């Protein structure tokens, strides 16, 4: 049986994944990676979405008057329906 990871560990992993995504985007010269890094890029995005589903506080939402955070989060498909169906390798 595996133990649950702490919120701090999840935040650290999320930060590392986001940093690697930005690095790949920068290497690609814009908002997408080079063709040779495309598979890694999509795996990292899947990991990011999964971590955000596990710890929703990681999802950034704009501050809007008269709209609570929970209502805003319902607009994120991966939050409502769970992490995307993907094959993750260790």
C-alpha atoms as a PDB file:
ATOM      1  CA  UNK A   1       0.000   0.000   0.000  1.00  0.00           C
ATOM      2  CA  UNK A   2       1.378   3.406  -0.919  1.00  0.00           C
ATOM      3  CA  UNK A   3       1.288   6.466   1.278  1.00  0.00           C
ATOM      4  CA  UNK A   4      -0.237   9.781   0.314  1.00  0.00           C
ATOM      5  CA  UNK A   5       2.227  12.470  -0.648  1.00  0.00           C
ATOM      6  CA  UNK A   6       2.214  15.785   1.144  1.00  0.00           C
ATOM      7  CA  UNK A   7       0.933  18.998  -0.408  1.00  0.00           C
ATOM      8  CA  UNK A   8       4.476  20.399  -0.300  1.00  0.00           C
ATOM      9  CA  UNK A   9       5.823  17.480  -2.360  1.00  0.00           C
ATOM     10  CA  UNK A  10       3.000  17.903  -4.893  1.00  0.00           C
ATOM     11  CA  UNK A  11       3.694  21.642  -5.155  1.00  0.00           C
ATOM     12  CA  UNK A  12       7.404  21.004  -5.744  1.00  0.00           C
ATOM     13  CA  UNK A  13       6.670  18.497  -8.483  1.00  0.00           C
ATOM     14  CA  UNK A  14       4.144  20.875 -10.083  1.00  0.00           C
ATOM     15  CA  UNK A  15       6.700  23.684 -10.037  1.00  0.00           C
ATOM     16  CA  UNK A  16       9.342  21.451 -11.632  1.00  0.00           C
ATOM     17  CA  UNK A  17       6.924  20.253 -14.323  1.00  0.00           C
ATOM     18  CA  UNK A  18       5.851  23.827 -15.136  1.00  0.00           C
ATOM     19  CA  UNK A  19       9.489  24.944 -15.341  1.00  0.00           C
ATOM     20  CA  UNK A  20      10.309  22.117 -17.774  1.00  0.00           C
ATOM     21  CA  UNK A  21       7.233  22.967 -19.884  1.00  0.00           C
ATOM     22  CA  UNK A  22       8.357  26.593 -20.121  1.00  0.00           C
ATOM     23  CA  UNK A  23      11.894  25.489 -21.010  1.00  0.00           C
ATOM     24  CA  UNK A  24      10.604  23.293 -23.848  1.00  0.00           C
ATOM     25  CA  UNK A  25       8.381  26.123 -25.105  1.00  0.00           C
ATOM     26  CA  UNK A  26      11.331  28.515 -25.061  1.00  0.00           C
ATOM     27  CA  UNK A  27      13.482  26.071 -27.039  1.00  0.00           C
ATOM     28  CA  UNK A  28      10.684  25.803 -29.595  1.00  0.00           C
ATOM     29  CA  UNK A  29      10.640  29.558 -30.005  1.00  0.00           C
ATOM     30  CA  UNK A  30       7.096  30.242 -28.879  1.00  0.00           C
ATOM     31  CA  UNK A  31       4.167  28.440 -27.315  1.00  0.00           C
ATOM     32  CA  UNK A  32       4.998  24.972 -28.566  1.00  0.00           C
ATOM     33  CA  UNK A  33       8.045  22.703 -28.397  1.00  0.00           C
ATOM     34  CA  UNK A  34      10.282  21.445 -31.159  1.00  0.00           C
ATOM     35  CA  UNK A  35       8.988  18.353 -32.936  1.00  0.00           C
ATOM     36  CA  UNK A  36      11.549  16.080 -31.294  1.00  0.00           C
ATOM     37  CA  UNK A  37      10.303  17.083 -27.784  1.00  0.00           C
ATOM     38  CA  UNK A  38       6.595  16.934 -28.531  1.00  0.00           C
ATOM     39  CA  UNK A  39       5.924  13.620 -26.757  1.00  0.00           C
ATOM     40  CA  UNK A  40       7.703  14.776 -23.578  1.00  0.00           C
ATOM     41  CA  UNK A  41       5.839  18.097 -23.730  1.00  0.00           C
ATOM     42  CA  UNK A  42       2.433  16.387 -23.822  1.00  0.00           C
ATOM     43  CA  UNK A  43       3.388  13.969 -21.046  1.00  0.00           C
ATOM     44  CA  UNK A  44       4.407  16.916 -18.872  1.00  0.00           C
ATOM     45  CA  UNK A  45       1.098  18.665 -19.568  1.00  0.00           C
ATOM     46  CA  UNK A  46      -0.749  15.498 -18.549  1.00  0.00           C
ATOM     47  CA  UNK A  47       1.261  15.359 -15.335  1.00  0.00           C
ATOM     48  CA  UNK A  48       0.506  19.036 -14.682  1.00  0.00           C
ATOM     49  CA  UNK A  49      -3.235  18.491 -15.168  1.00  0.00           C
ATOM     50  CA  UNK A  50      -3.161  15.435 -12.894  1.00  0.00           C
ATOM     51  CA  UNK A  51      -1.314  17.289 -10.131  1.00  0.00           C
ATOM     52  CA  UNK A  52      -3.791  20.159 -10.386  1.00  0.00           C
ATOM     53  CA  UNK A  53      -6.654  17.675 -10.071  1.00  0.00           C
ATOM     54  CA  UNK A  54      -5.063  16.166  -6.954  1.00  0.00           C
ATOM     55  CA  UNK A  55      -4.390  19.579  -5.391  1.00  0.00           C
ATOM     56  CA  UNK A  56      -6.820  22.143  -6.915  1.00  0.00           C
ATOM     57  CA  UNK A  57      -5.179  25.059  -5.100  1.00  0.00           C
ATOM     58  CA  UNK A  58      -2.487  24.875  -7.825  1.00  0.00           C
ATOM     59  CA  UNK A  59      -4.994  26.084 -10.448  1.00  0.00           C
ATOM     60  CA  UNK A  60      -4.805  29.834 -10.855  1.00  0.00           C
ATOM     61  CA  UNK A  61      -8.121  31.605 -11.268  1.00  0.00           C
ATOM     62  CA  UNK A  62      -8.790  35.308 -11.834  1.00  0.00           C
ATOM     63  CA  UNK A  63     -10.351  37.272  -8.989  1.00  0.00           C
ATOM     64  CA  UNK A  64     -13.864  38.195 -10.028  1.00  0.00           C
ATOM     65  CA  UNK A  65     -16.431  39.845  -7.784  1.00  0.00           C
ATOM     66  CA  UNK A  66     -19.555  37.823  -6.967  1.00  0.00           C
ATOM     67  CA  UNK A  67     -18.011  34.574  -8.289  1.00  0.00           C
ATOM     68  CA  UNK A  68     -16.479  32.155  -5.828  1.00  0.00           C
ATOM     69  CA  UNK A  69     -13.428  30.045  -6.587  1.00  0.00           C
ATOM     70  CA  UNK A  70     -15.333  26.762  -6.633  1.00  0.00           C
ATOM     71  CA  UNK A  71     -17.635  28.025  -9.378  1.00  0.00           C
ATOM     72  CA  UNK A  72     -14.642  29.182 -11.425  1.00  0.00           C
ATOM     73  CA  UNK A  73     -12.964  25.788 -11.051  1.00  0.00           C
ATOM     74  CA  UNK A  74     -16.013  24.079 -12.538  1.00  0.00           C
ATOM     75  CA  UNK A  75     -15.028  25.666 -15.861  1.00  0.00           C
ATOM     76  CA  UNK A  76     -11.822  23.619 -15.978  1.00  0.00           C
ATOM     77  CA  UNK A  77     -12.734  20.366 -17.706  1.00  0.00           C
ATOM     78  CA  UNK A  78      -9.855  18.357 -16.255  1.00  0.00           C
ATOM     79  CA  UNK A  79     -10.883  19.422 -12.743  1.00  0.00           C
ATOM     80  CA  UNK A  80     -14.529  18.397 -13.110  1.00  0.00           C
ATOM     81  CA  UNK A  81     -14.033  15.129 -15.005  1.00  0.00           C
ATOM     82  CA  UNK A  82     -10.779  14.023 -13.434  1.00  0.00           C
ATOM     83  CA  UNK A  83      -7.316  13.748 -14.947  1.00  0.00           C
ATOM     84  CA  UNK A  84      -7.176  12.987 -18.652  1.00  0.00           C
ATOM     85  CA  UNK A  85      -6.937   9.381 -19.745  1.00  0.00           C
ATOM     86  CA  UNK A  86      -3.276   8.946 -20.566  1.00  0.00           C
ATOM     87  CA  UNK A  87      -0.517   6.412 -20.235  1.00  0.00           C
ATOM     88  CA  UNK A  88       2.098   7.682 -17.789  1.00  0.00           C
ATOM     89  CA  UNK A  89       5.461   5.999 -17.513  1.00  0.00           C
ATOM     90  CA  UNK A  90       7.446   6.111 -14.250  1.00  0.00           C
END
